Amino acid sequence: MPMYEFRCEDCGALFEQLVNNAESPVSCVKCQSSRIKKQFSVFATRASDVSGGDIPSGACNTCDMSGSGMCGAN
């Protein structure tokens, strides 16, 4: 069962929710509105979980961003 991120168009709340499928009805956890939008999200993991070490200071060289912290990873 995938987890999706949503934003409520009525109260602005951001929340995550497990859903059975993409067509499952979802309502806001704060105001119960059904006017929600699925947000773009990416899979995230800590670098130490993947490579056995922490992300070094400076660019991490995993993308084309050249500055430290450009992608939010460090």
Protein backbone atom coordinates (compact mmCIF):
# COMPACT_ATOMS: atom_id res chain seq x y z
CA MET A 1 0.00 0.00 0.00
CA PRO A 2 1.71 3.24 -1.12
CA MET A 3 2.00 6.39 0.95
CA TYR A 4 1.10 9.66 -0.74
CA GLU A 5 1.59 13.27 0.32
CA PHE A 6 -1.39 15.63 0.10
CA ARG A 7 -2.21 19.32 0.58
CA CYS A 8 -5.68 20.47 1.58
CA GLU A 9 -7.02 23.22 -0.67
CA ASP A 10 -9.30 24.51 2.10
CA CYS A 11 -7.04 24.76 5.17
CA GLY A 12 -3.58 24.27 3.61
CA ALA A 13 -2.66 21.30 5.80
CA LEU A 14 0.10 19.04 4.48
CA PHE A 15 -0.18 15.37 5.37
CA GLU A 16 0.76 11.85 4.32
CA GLN A 17 -1.64 8.97 4.05
CA LEU A 18 -1.50 5.30 3.09
CA VAL A 19 -4.00 4.57 0.34
CA ASN A 20 -5.21 1.31 -1.21
CA ASN A 21 -4.97 2.70 -4.73
CA ALA A 22 -4.74 6.02 -6.55
CA GLU A 23 -8.55 6.26 -6.77
CA SER A 24 -9.21 5.82 -3.03
CA PRO A 25 -11.08 8.76 -1.48
CA VAL A 26 -8.92 10.82 0.88
CA SER A 27 -9.98 13.62 3.21
CA CYS A 28 -7.95 16.20 5.11
CA VAL A 29 -6.75 15.03 8.52
CA LYS A 30 -7.25 18.54 9.95
CA CYS A 31 -10.58 19.78 8.53
CA GLN A 32 -11.96 16.62 6.82
CA SER A 33 -12.33 18.46 3.48
CA SER A 34 -12.30 16.30 0.37
CA ARG A 35 -10.66 19.15 -1.63
CA ILE A 36 -7.11 17.84 -1.55
CA LYS A 37 -4.30 17.65 -4.07
CA LYS A 38 -1.68 14.95 -4.30
CA GLN A 39 1.79 16.47 -3.95
CA PHE A 40 4.90 15.52 -5.85
CA SER A 41 7.24 13.65 -3.56
CA VAL A 42 10.40 11.62 -3.87
CA PHE A 43 11.68 8.60 -2.06
CA ALA A 44 14.10 9.66 0.67
CA THR A 45 16.72 7.81 2.64
CA ARG A 46 19.68 8.78 4.73
CA ALA A 47 22.99 8.53 2.91
CA SER A 48 24.43 6.38 5.69
CA ASP A 49 21.68 3.81 4.99
CA VAL A 50 22.83 3.53 1.38
CA SER A 51 26.58 4.02 1.31
CA GLY A 52 27.66 3.17 4.85
CA GLY A 53 28.77 6.75 5.57
CA ASP A 54 27.47 10.26 5.90
CA ILE A 55 27.20 12.72 3.03
CA PRO A 56 30.44 14.73 2.91
CA SER A 57 30.37 18.49 3.20
CA GLY A 58 30.22 20.20 -0.17
CA ALA A 59 28.48 18.85 -3.22
CA CYS A 60 27.50 15.18 -2.90
CA ASN A 61 27.99 14.54 -6.63
CA THR A 62 24.73 12.63 -7.02
CA CYS A 63 23.23 15.20 -9.37
CA ASP A 64 24.16 18.24 -11.46
CA MET A 65 23.82 20.70 -8.55
CA SER A 66 27.26 22.12 -7.77
CA GLY A 67 26.84 23.74 -4.35
CA SER A 68 26.61 22.34 -0.86
CA GLY A 69 23.03 21.72 0.14
CA MET A 70 21.59 22.53 -3.29
CA CYS A 71 19.35 19.46 -3.26
CA GLY A 72 18.62 19.62 0.48
CA ALA A 73 20.69 16.50 1.16
CA ASN A 74 23.30 18.17 3.36
